[in-house]
């Protein structure tokens, strides 16, 4: 489980609109629970009878499916938490790349926010190694909606647990505050990392 520095925890306490209580429950209980389940799955996989593997039902099949669910839950949550705690000011080469692939930064942001209203789980801005473009993806489940050959740069959690304590059913306000709290330096760092992999 990713334990954040005191500085990062302090940035969580200063988020606009998203309370420290909400972040604490989200990180410590929900995300922490996925980490524990992933670890449990790893242990059970070591003991699973592989000779009974079957596409209709088998312990191996069930564990491998739930492994992807819990692993992606961990990775998506970490990307979400990592990008929170900034001032929401877009900066870096990522902004130019978004303008290039979406026409304008505003076009990208409008689409990302609209997907946030349409999704049941996640919105992911990802770099697609298949064609070198930035794309927004909708994921209703942790292990559904991801595309092979892409790397997430910015992740927004729109499951109700991410906002209901602070916003009730007002998801739109939560999305606005998510953008106001973004640390674009984190997004830029991820972008630079994937670009290095391209070379």
Foldseek 3Di string as FASTA:
>chain_A
DDDDDPVLLVLQCPFPLQHNVLVCCCVVPVLVVLVVVLVVLVVVLVVADPVPDDPVDGPNVVSVVVNQQSVLSNVLVVLLSVFFRDQLDADDCVQVQCCVQQVHSVSVLVVQLVLLVVAQFKWFFKQALVVRHTDIWHDNGSNPTDDPRIDTLHMDTNHCSNNCVRQNPPSSVVSVSSSRGGDNVSSNVSVVVVVVVSD
